[in-house]
N, C-alpha and C. Protein backbone atom coordinates (compact mmCIF):
# COMPACT_ATOMS: atom_id res chain seq x y z
N GLY A 1 99.88 126.89 103.88
CA GLY A 1 97.91 126.06 104.51
C GLY A 1 97.91 126.76 103.18
N ALA A 2 96.04 127.03 103.63
CA ALA A 2 95.43 127.84 102.72
C ALA A 2 95.86 129.38 103.47
N GLY A 3 96.02 129.70 101.73
CA GLY A 3 96.07 131.61 101.07
C GLY A 3 97.49 131.56 101.56
N ASN A 4 98.37 130.80 101.85
CA ASN A 4 99.97 131.37 102.10
C ASN A 4 100.53 130.40 100.62
N ASP A 5 101.57 131.15 100.53
CA ASP A 5 102.60 130.45 99.49
C ASP A 5 103.62 129.67 99.82
N ASP A 6 104.37 129.07 99.51
CA ASP A 6 105.94 128.46 100.32
C ASP A 6 106.67 129.34 100.11
N GLY A 7 106.85 130.76 99.83
CA GLY A 7 107.91 131.27 99.78
C GLY A 7 107.70 132.07 101.76
N GLY A 8 106.66 132.64 102.15
CA GLY A 8 106.75 133.31 103.98
C GLY A 8 105.77 133.38 103.43
N ASP A 9 105.38 134.55 104.18
CA ASP A 9 104.52 135.06 104.71
C ASP A 9 104.29 136.77 103.75
N ASP A 10 103.49 137.14 103.04
CA ASP A 10 103.37 138.03 102.52
C ASP A 10 102.69 139.44 103.55
N GLY A 11 102.12 138.94 104.56
CA GLY A 11 101.21 139.83 105.19
C GLY A 11 99.82 139.97 105.01
N ASP A 12 99.10 140.01 106.08
CA ASP A 12 97.83 139.73 105.98
C ASP A 12 97.08 141.14 105.14
N ASP A 13 98.06 141.95 104.59
CA ASP A 13 96.84 143.07 103.43
C ASP A 13 96.58 142.36 102.46
N ASP A 14 97.46 140.75 101.73
CA ASP A 14 98.02 140.43 101.01
C ASP A 14 96.49 139.62 101.04
N ASP A 15 96.31 138.94 102.33
CA ASP A 15 94.94 137.76 101.44
C ASP A 15 93.64 138.53 101.71
N ASP A 16 93.72 139.87 101.27
CA ASP A 16 91.94 140.43 101.41
C ASP A 16 91.83 140.55 99.49
N LYS A 17 93.36 140.77 99.56
CA LYS A 17 93.10 140.90 97.90
C LYS A 17 92.38 139.91 97.27
N ALA A 18 91.99 140.54 95.99
CA ALA A 18 90.94 139.57 94.98
C ALA A 18 92.33 138.90 94.67
N PHE A 19 91.81 137.66 94.22
CA PHE A 19 92.73 136.71 93.35
C PHE A 19 91.50 136.38 91.90
N GLU A 20 92.13 135.90 91.10
CA GLU A 20 91.24 135.52 89.77
C GLU A 20 92.28 133.99 89.63
N CYS A 21 91.04 133.37 90.21
CA CYS A 21 90.75 131.75 90.07
C CYS A 21 91.18 131.62 88.78
N PRO A 22 92.69 130.74 87.94
CA PRO A 22 92.34 130.49 86.64
C PRO A 22 92.13 128.62 86.09
N ILE A 23 91.85 128.77 87.07
CA ILE A 23 90.51 126.87 86.60
C ILE A 23 88.80 127.56 86.54
N LEU A 24 88.60 128.37 87.03
CA LEU A 24 86.59 129.09 87.61
C LEU A 24 87.03 129.83 87.19
N PHE A 25 88.19 131.22 87.16
CA PHE A 25 87.80 132.26 86.12
C PHE A 25 86.77 133.48 87.07
N VAL A 26 86.88 133.13 88.15
CA VAL A 26 85.65 133.91 89.68
C VAL A 26 87.30 134.84 90.13
N ASP A 27 86.98 135.42 90.72
CA ASP A 27 87.88 136.77 91.63
C ASP A 27 87.43 136.47 93.01
N VAL A 28 88.10 135.20 93.94
CA VAL A 28 88.22 135.57 95.01
C VAL A 28 89.08 135.76 96.32
N PRO A 29 88.74 135.87 97.60
CA PRO A 29 89.70 136.08 98.30
C PRO A 29 91.07 135.90 98.53
N ARG A 30 92.30 136.32 98.27
CA ARG A 30 93.79 135.20 98.68
C ARG A 30 93.37 134.43 99.50
N LYS A 31 93.43 134.21 100.16
CA LYS A 31 93.12 134.07 101.92
C LYS A 31 92.01 132.65 101.72
N GLU A 32 91.12 132.66 100.84
CA GLU A 32 90.30 131.21 100.12
C GLU A 32 91.13 130.30 98.86
N THR A 33 92.50 130.50 99.05
CA THR A 33 92.98 129.98 97.81
C THR A 33 94.45 129.12 98.48
N PHE A 34 94.75 128.42 97.55
CA PHE A 34 95.43 127.26 98.26
C PHE A 34 96.35 127.37 97.44
N ALA A 35 98.07 126.55 97.45
CA ALA A 35 99.07 127.24 96.23
C ALA A 35 100.26 125.83 96.55
N LEU A 36 100.45 124.77 96.33
CA LEU A 36 100.87 123.76 96.71
C LEU A 36 102.33 123.83 97.35
N GLY A 37 102.96 125.04 95.90
CA GLY A 37 104.26 125.04 96.22
C GLY A 37 104.95 125.16 95.19
N CYS A 38 104.83 124.16 93.94
CA CYS A 38 105.41 124.37 92.88
C CYS A 38 104.84 126.07 92.02
N ARG A 39 105.49 125.81 91.23
CA ARG A 39 105.72 127.38 90.44
C ARG A 39 105.85 125.80 88.54
N ALA A 40 104.95 127.43 87.81
CA ALA A 40 106.12 127.11 85.94
C ALA A 40 106.67 127.75 86.10
N LYS A 41 107.45 127.44 84.91
CA LYS A 41 108.95 127.68 84.55
C LYS A 41 108.97 129.35 84.95
N ASP A 42 108.11 130.17 84.58
CA ASP A 42 108.02 131.61 84.77
C ASP A 42 108.15 131.94 85.35
N GLY A 43 108.72 131.76 87.02
CA GLY A 43 108.21 132.03 88.07
C GLY A 43 106.93 131.76 88.89
N THR A 44 105.96 131.65 87.87
CA THR A 44 104.64 131.64 88.76
C THR A 44 103.86 130.50 89.57
N GLU A 45 102.86 130.94 90.52
CA GLU A 45 102.66 129.88 91.51
C GLU A 45 101.75 129.47 91.12
N HIS A 46 101.58 128.11 91.63
CA HIS A 46 99.92 127.09 91.16
C HIS A 46 99.42 127.52 93.04
N ARG A 47 98.62 129.15 91.89
CA ARG A 47 97.63 129.49 93.46
C ARG A 47 96.20 128.54 92.86
N PHE A 48 94.89 127.84 93.20
CA PHE A 48 93.82 128.44 93.10
C PHE A 48 92.79 128.62 93.61
N SER A 49 91.31 129.01 93.64
CA SER A 49 90.58 128.81 94.85
C SER A 49 90.61 127.29 95.89
N LEU A 50 89.95 127.60 97.21
CA LEU A 50 89.63 126.28 97.71
C LEU A 50 88.80 125.60 96.65
N SER A 51 87.67 127.02 96.34
CA SER A 51 86.59 125.35 96.17
C SER A 51 87.28 124.90 94.69
N ALA A 52 87.86 125.64 93.92
CA ALA A 52 88.66 124.54 92.53
C ALA A 52 88.96 123.48 92.92
N TRP A 53 89.74 123.90 93.94
CA TRP A 53 90.58 122.35 94.55
C TRP A 53 89.63 121.40 95.58
N GLN A 54 89.19 121.97 95.89
CA GLN A 54 87.83 121.03 96.87
C GLN A 54 87.02 119.84 95.43
N HIS A 55 86.68 120.87 94.70
CA HIS A 55 86.11 120.30 93.83
C HIS A 55 86.69 119.07 92.83
N TYR A 56 88.51 119.56 92.49
CA TYR A 56 89.27 118.42 92.01
C TYR A 56 89.78 117.54 92.33
N LEU A 57 89.32 117.72 93.64
CA LEU A 57 89.75 116.12 95.06
C LEU A 57 88.81 115.91 94.68
N SER A 58 87.96 116.14 95.11
CA SER A 58 86.62 115.23 95.30
C SER A 58 86.43 113.89 94.03
N GLU A 59 86.96 114.96 92.65
CA GLU A 59 87.17 114.27 91.84
C GLU A 59 88.08 113.14 91.63
N ARG A 60 89.21 113.76 92.39
CA ARG A 60 90.04 112.71 92.42
C ARG A 60 89.47 110.87 92.89
N ALA A 61 88.80 111.56 94.00
CA ALA A 61 89.22 110.67 95.15
C ALA A 61 87.85 109.90 95.20
N SER A 62 87.06 109.96 93.90
CA SER A 62 85.99 108.85 93.65
C SER A 62 86.37 108.23 92.28
N ALA A 63 88.14 108.37 92.36
CA ALA A 63 88.78 107.15 91.34
C ALA A 63 89.14 106.04 91.69
N GLY A 64 88.63 105.76 93.03
CA GLY A 64 89.98 104.72 93.99
C GLY A 64 91.09 104.79 94.16
N GLN A 65 91.55 103.74 94.19
CA GLN A 65 93.11 104.22 95.02
C GLN A 65 93.94 104.90 94.33
N SER A 66 94.00 105.40 93.05
CA SER A 66 95.22 105.74 91.85
C SER A 66 95.03 107.62 92.99
N CYS A 67 94.03 107.87 93.40
CA CYS A 67 93.87 109.01 93.56
C CYS A 67 94.91 109.61 94.85
N VAL A 68 95.86 108.54 95.61
CA VAL A 68 97.07 108.29 96.22
C VAL A 68 97.91 109.38 95.78
N LEU A 69 97.84 109.29 94.27
CA LEU A 69 98.81 109.94 93.38
C LEU A 69 98.57 111.30 92.33
N THR A 70 97.57 111.96 93.51
CA THR A 70 97.17 113.19 92.26
C THR A 70 97.61 114.35 92.37
N ARG A 71 98.34 114.76 91.05
CA ARG A 71 99.23 116.22 90.59
C ARG A 71 98.17 117.57 91.28
N CYS A 72 99.08 118.04 91.47
CA CYS A 72 98.76 119.43 90.42
C CYS A 72 97.58 119.40 89.68
N PRO A 73 96.99 120.86 89.41
CA PRO A 73 96.22 120.55 88.64
C PRO A 73 96.28 121.44 87.60
N ALA A 74 97.56 122.35 87.32
CA ALA A 74 98.64 122.40 86.42
C ALA A 74 99.12 121.89 85.31
N GLU A 75 98.45 122.71 84.03
CA GLU A 75 98.75 122.01 83.00
C GLU A 75 99.91 120.98 83.47
N ASP A 76 101.00 120.00 82.72
CA ASP A 76 101.76 119.42 82.82
C ASP A 76 103.05 118.98 83.91
N CYS A 77 102.61 119.70 85.62
CA CYS A 77 102.90 119.83 86.67
C CYS A 77 102.90 118.38 87.08
N LYS A 78 104.41 117.72 87.63
CA LYS A 78 104.20 116.47 88.67
C LYS A 78 104.09 116.04 89.35
N SER A 79 103.88 117.96 90.62
CA SER A 79 103.94 117.40 91.90
C SER A 79 102.44 116.95 92.44
N VAL A 80 103.40 116.43 93.24
CA VAL A 80 101.65 115.02 93.84
C VAL A 80 101.38 115.29 94.91
N LEU A 81 100.48 115.70 95.85
CA LEU A 81 99.71 116.52 96.32
C LEU A 81 99.88 115.36 97.90
N SER A 82 100.35 115.90 99.29
CA SER A 82 100.55 115.65 100.31
C SER A 82 99.44 114.89 100.93
N PRO A 83 99.55 114.05 101.86
CA PRO A 83 98.03 114.16 102.86
C PRO A 83 97.77 115.49 103.46
N GLN A 84 98.81 116.29 103.48
CA GLN A 84 98.66 117.69 104.53
C GLN A 84 97.97 118.27 103.53
N ALA A 85 99.18 118.05 102.64
CA ALA A 85 97.83 119.33 101.29
C ALA A 85 96.23 119.01 101.54
N TRP A 86 95.93 117.36 101.13
CA TRP A 86 94.57 116.99 101.41
C TRP A 86 94.00 117.93 102.32
N THR A 87 94.56 117.46 103.42
CA THR A 87 94.05 117.85 104.74
C THR A 87 93.69 119.74 104.80
N THR A 88 94.39 119.98 104.42
CA THR A 88 94.79 121.64 104.99
C THR A 88 93.31 122.47 103.62
N ILE A 89 93.30 121.33 102.48
CA ILE A 89 92.48 121.73 101.04
C ILE A 89 91.18 122.29 101.79
N PHE A 90 90.96 121.43 102.33
CA PHE A 90 89.65 120.21 102.48
C PHE A 90 88.76 121.00 104.33
N GLN A 91 90.57 121.64 105.14
CA GLN A 91 89.92 121.55 106.38
C GLN A 91 89.98 122.65 106.85
N SER A 92 90.30 123.52 105.73
CA SER A 92 90.58 125.44 105.58
C SER A 92 90.33 126.12 106.59
N ASP A 93 89.27 126.21 106.98
CA ASP A 93 88.86 126.63 107.85
C ASP A 93 87.96 126.20 109.10
N THR A 94 88.25 127.22 110.78
CA THR A 94 87.17 126.73 111.14
C THR A 94 86.08 126.32 111.41
N ARG A 95 84.94 126.99 110.13
CA ARG A 95 83.47 126.71 110.21
C ARG A 95 83.58 125.20 109.51
N THR A 96 84.31 125.26 108.97
CA THR A 96 84.38 123.96 107.87
C THR A 96 84.63 122.79 108.42
N LEU A 97 85.33 122.65 109.56
CA LEU A 97 85.76 121.50 110.81
C LEU A 97 85.15 121.24 111.85
N LEU A 98 83.66 122.53 111.89
CA LEU A 98 82.64 122.25 112.20
C LEU A 98 81.41 121.07 111.53
N GLN A 99 81.42 121.43 109.95
CA GLN A 99 80.29 120.92 109.45
C GLN A 99 81.20 119.85 109.03
N LEU A 100 82.32 119.33 109.31
CA LEU A 100 82.86 117.46 108.66
C LEU A 100 82.10 117.09 109.93
N VAL A 101 81.63 117.67 111.12
CA VAL A 101 81.12 116.09 112.39
C VAL A 101 79.99 116.17 112.46
N GLU A 102 79.15 118.25 111.92
CA GLU A 102 77.60 118.11 111.84
C GLU A 102 77.22 117.79 111.01
N PHE A 103 75.65 117.16 111.23
CA PHE A 103 75.01 117.38 110.13
C PHE A 103 73.80 117.83 110.27
N GLY A 104 73.67 119.44 110.52
CA GLY A 104 72.61 119.97 109.90
C GLY A 104 72.60 120.27 108.70
N THR A 105 71.74 121.39 108.43
CA THR A 105 71.01 122.35 106.70
C THR A 105 72.67 122.53 106.41
N GLU A 106 73.13 123.20 106.96
CA GLU A 106 74.39 123.84 106.49
C GLU A 106 75.12 123.20 106.34
N ALA A 107 75.69 121.98 106.77
CA ALA A 107 77.27 120.85 107.01
C ALA A 107 76.45 119.58 106.12
N GLY A 108 75.36 119.82 105.56
CA GLY A 108 75.08 118.92 104.52
C GLY A 108 75.50 119.10 103.04
N ARG A 109 76.05 120.73 103.40
CA ARG A 109 76.75 120.77 102.02
C ARG A 109 77.70 120.32 102.40
N ASN A 110 79.11 120.45 102.68
CA ASN A 110 80.00 119.80 103.12
C ASN A 110 80.11 118.53 102.75
N ARG A 111 79.65 118.05 103.18
CA ARG A 111 79.39 116.57 103.99
C ARG A 111 79.98 115.88 102.77
N PRO A 112 80.38 115.96 100.65
CA PRO A 112 81.37 115.85 100.22
C PRO A 112 82.42 115.80 100.61
N HIS A 113 82.96 117.43 100.82
CA HIS A 113 83.83 116.55 101.44
C HIS A 113 84.88 116.12 102.46
N ARG A 114 83.83 116.16 103.33
CA ARG A 114 84.21 114.59 104.43
C ARG A 114 84.01 113.08 103.76
N VAL A 115 83.74 113.13 102.24
CA VAL A 115 83.76 112.23 102.26
C VAL A 115 84.60 111.24 101.50
N ALA A 116 85.02 113.00 100.07
CA ALA A 116 86.33 112.50 99.17
C ALA A 116 87.14 112.56 100.94
N LEU A 117 87.28 112.72 101.59
CA LEU A 117 88.97 113.00 102.64
C LEU A 117 89.12 111.46 103.36
N CYS A 118 87.78 111.11 103.30
CA CYS A 118 87.83 110.03 103.76
C CYS A 118 88.71 108.82 102.95
N ARG A 119 87.88 109.07 101.68
CA ARG A 119 88.11 108.40 100.76
C ARG A 119 89.41 108.18 99.81
N TYR A 120 89.93 109.22 100.41
CA TYR A 120 91.34 109.41 99.87
C TYR A 120 92.18 108.76 100.85
N PHE A 121 91.96 109.34 102.18
CA PHE A 121 92.35 108.33 103.68
C PHE A 121 92.93 106.96 103.12
N SER A 122 91.51 106.26 103.05
CA SER A 122 91.31 104.88 102.89
C SER A 122 92.59 104.15 101.92
N ALA A 123 91.95 104.84 100.74
CA ALA A 123 92.79 104.46 99.34
C ALA A 123 94.45 104.76 99.29
N LEU A 124 94.39 105.56 100.59
CA LEU A 124 96.53 105.56 100.75
C LEU A 124 96.67 104.26 101.43
N VAL A 125 95.38 104.02 103.02
CA VAL A 125 95.67 103.00 103.57
C VAL A 125 96.31 101.97 102.67
N ALA A 126 94.50 101.71 101.88
CA ALA A 126 95.14 101.11 100.52
C ALA A 126 96.65 100.80 100.41
N HIS A 127 97.08 101.29 99.04
CA HIS A 127 98.30 101.81 98.83
C HIS A 127 98.88 101.01 99.60
N PHE A 128 99.55 101.88 100.48
CA PHE A 128 100.37 101.62 101.69
C PHE A 128 100.69 99.99 101.90
N VAL A 129 99.17 99.34 102.60
CA VAL A 129 99.47 97.66 103.11
C VAL A 129 99.27 97.14 101.95
N GLU A 130 98.65 97.62 100.37
CA GLU A 130 98.73 96.34 98.83
C GLU A 130 100.50 96.36 98.90
N ALA A 131 101.59 97.70 99.25
CA ALA A 131 102.34 97.77 98.62
C ALA A 131 104.26 96.87 99.24
N ARG A 132 102.95 95.98 100.72
CA ARG A 132 104.87 95.75 101.52
C ARG A 132 103.96 94.60 101.36
N PRO A 133 104.97 93.75 101.22
CA PRO A 133 105.03 92.52 100.86
C PRO A 133 104.28 91.60 102.87
N ASN A 134 105.27 92.18 103.31
CA ASN A 134 105.15 92.08 105.22
C ASN A 134 103.33 92.31 105.88
N LEU A 135 102.57 93.07 104.36
CA LEU A 135 101.04 93.46 105.48
C LEU A 135 100.14 92.44 104.27
N ARG A 136 99.10 91.96 105.14
CA ARG A 136 98.12 91.38 103.76
C ARG A 136 97.02 91.90 104.14
N TRP A 137 95.66 91.89 103.97
CA TRP A 137 94.31 92.08 104.54
C TRP A 137 93.88 91.03 105.10
N CYS A 138 93.06 91.36 106.20
CA CYS A 138 91.90 89.91 106.59
C CYS A 138 91.66 89.66 105.92
N PRO A 139 91.46 88.02 105.60
CA PRO A 139 89.92 88.09 104.49
C PRO A 139 88.82 87.83 105.90
N GLY A 140 89.07 87.95 107.13
CA GLY A 140 87.59 87.80 107.49
C GLY A 140 86.34 88.76 107.12
N PRO A 141 84.58 88.06 106.92
CA PRO A 141 84.21 88.44 106.66
C PRO A 141 84.26 90.37 107.13
N ASP A 142 83.88 91.07 106.53
CA ASP A 142 83.39 92.45 107.16
C ASP A 142 84.73 93.31 107.81
N CYS A 143 85.95 92.35 108.03
CA CYS A 143 86.77 92.78 108.70
C CYS A 143 88.36 94.22 108.13
N PRO A 144 88.53 94.95 108.51
CA PRO A 144 88.86 96.06 108.40
C PRO A 144 90.29 96.23 108.37
N LEU A 145 91.07 95.36 108.66
CA LEU A 145 92.18 94.97 109.81
C LEU A 145 93.12 94.52 108.31
N ALA A 146 94.42 95.21 108.63
CA ALA A 146 95.58 94.50 107.93
C ALA A 146 96.27 93.44 109.37
N LEU A 147 97.02 92.73 108.61
CA LEU A 147 97.56 91.54 109.57
C LEU A 147 99.30 91.89 108.97
N SER A 148 100.14 91.87 109.93
CA SER A 148 101.44 91.52 109.91
C SER A 148 102.34 90.08 109.74
N GLY A 149 103.51 89.61 108.90
CA GLY A 149 103.51 89.18 108.90
C GLY A 149 105.09 88.58 108.23
N ALA A 150 105.97 88.02 108.71
CA ALA A 150 107.44 88.04 107.15
C ALA A 150 106.21 86.44 106.01
N GLU A 151 107.21 86.66 105.44
CA GLU A 151 106.54 85.85 104.00
C GLU A 151 107.23 84.36 104.73
N ALA A 152 108.25 84.14 104.85
CA ALA A 152 108.30 82.78 106.14
C ALA A 152 107.54 82.03 106.83
N THR A 153 106.71 82.92 107.64
CA THR A 153 105.16 82.79 108.18
C THR A 153 104.43 82.29 107.63
N GLU A 154 103.90 81.24 108.27
CA GLU A 154 103.00 80.19 108.45
C GLU A 154 101.70 80.52 108.68
N GLU A 155 100.66 81.06 109.71
CA GLU A 155 99.94 81.46 109.78
C GLU A 155 100.14 82.08 111.00
N VAL A 156 98.87 83.60 110.43
CA VAL A 156 98.91 84.93 111.11
C VAL A 156 97.39 84.63 111.69
N VAL A 157 96.26 85.02 112.94
CA VAL A 157 95.45 84.86 113.36
C VAL A 157 95.21 86.24 113.46
N CYS A 158 94.41 87.19 113.19
CA CYS A 158 93.30 88.59 113.63
C CYS A 158 92.68 88.04 114.48
N THR A 159 92.87 89.64 115.00
CA THR A 159 91.67 89.75 115.98
C THR A 159 89.77 89.49 116.07
N CYS A 160 90.09 88.78 115.03
CA CYS A 160 88.62 88.76 114.43
C CYS A 160 88.84 87.63 114.25
N ARG A 161 89.36 86.58 114.41
CA ARG A 161 90.22 84.80 114.53
C ARG A 161 89.62 84.30 113.22
N SER A 162 90.27 85.17 112.08
CA SER A 162 90.68 84.57 110.33
C SER A 162 91.13 84.20 110.54
N ALA A 163 92.06 83.58 110.23
CA ALA A 163 93.51 83.05 110.01
C ALA A 163 94.06 82.78 108.22
N LEU A 164 95.62 83.87 107.92
CA LEU A 164 96.32 83.63 106.92
C LEU A 164 96.74 83.08 107.31
N CYS A 165 97.87 82.13 106.00
CA CYS A 165 99.19 82.33 105.60
C CYS A 165 99.82 82.74 104.43
N PHE A 166 100.18 83.31 105.81
CA PHE A 166 101.46 84.51 104.67
C PHE A 166 102.53 84.29 103.30
N LEU A 167 102.72 82.52 103.43
CA LEU A 167 103.41 81.14 102.30
C LEU A 167 102.28 81.29 101.39
N CYS A 168 100.92 81.05 101.26
CA CYS A 168 100.40 81.09 100.02
C CYS A 168 99.65 82.21 99.64
N GLY A 169 98.78 82.62 100.91
CA GLY A 169 98.21 83.82 100.58
C GLY A 169 96.56 83.44 100.91
N GLU A 170 96.23 82.16 101.65
CA GLU A 170 94.76 81.30 101.72
C GLU A 170 94.53 81.76 102.81
N GLU A 171 93.57 81.30 103.01
CA GLU A 171 92.68 81.52 104.45
C GLU A 171 93.62 80.07 104.65
């Protein structure tokens, strides 16, 4: 999780130690950092401040469906972030969780994090649906549902009453 590496618990004392973020070049408490679990060839973990991660992922979420394959920002790293990593980075503490559902003055600052996380999960669902031949988006106007059927199925009717032919893909 936030502040912890993949190799076990270093103890609570390490959480308050200063850590220089290699992206933002600022010192932050280690508990305000996140390491994905990947490492450089010299064994150094790819750890960055939560602020750096949040900015990076917000940018990636704006890129559309390709954000589901977002990689670690370390140079030449091929590790892809999991949905759990996205969630951990954006919901790193209780205060942030509360700000995601409240829309007060302080909450307004973290609203972009909620938008980025929603964009990511929407792209993840779209990627899942579009990668499977037995799933298709409902053609109904403003219908957000996916329909399930076999390629040999002629017609599938959605709960919105729109129909789709799985043979030809037409309404």
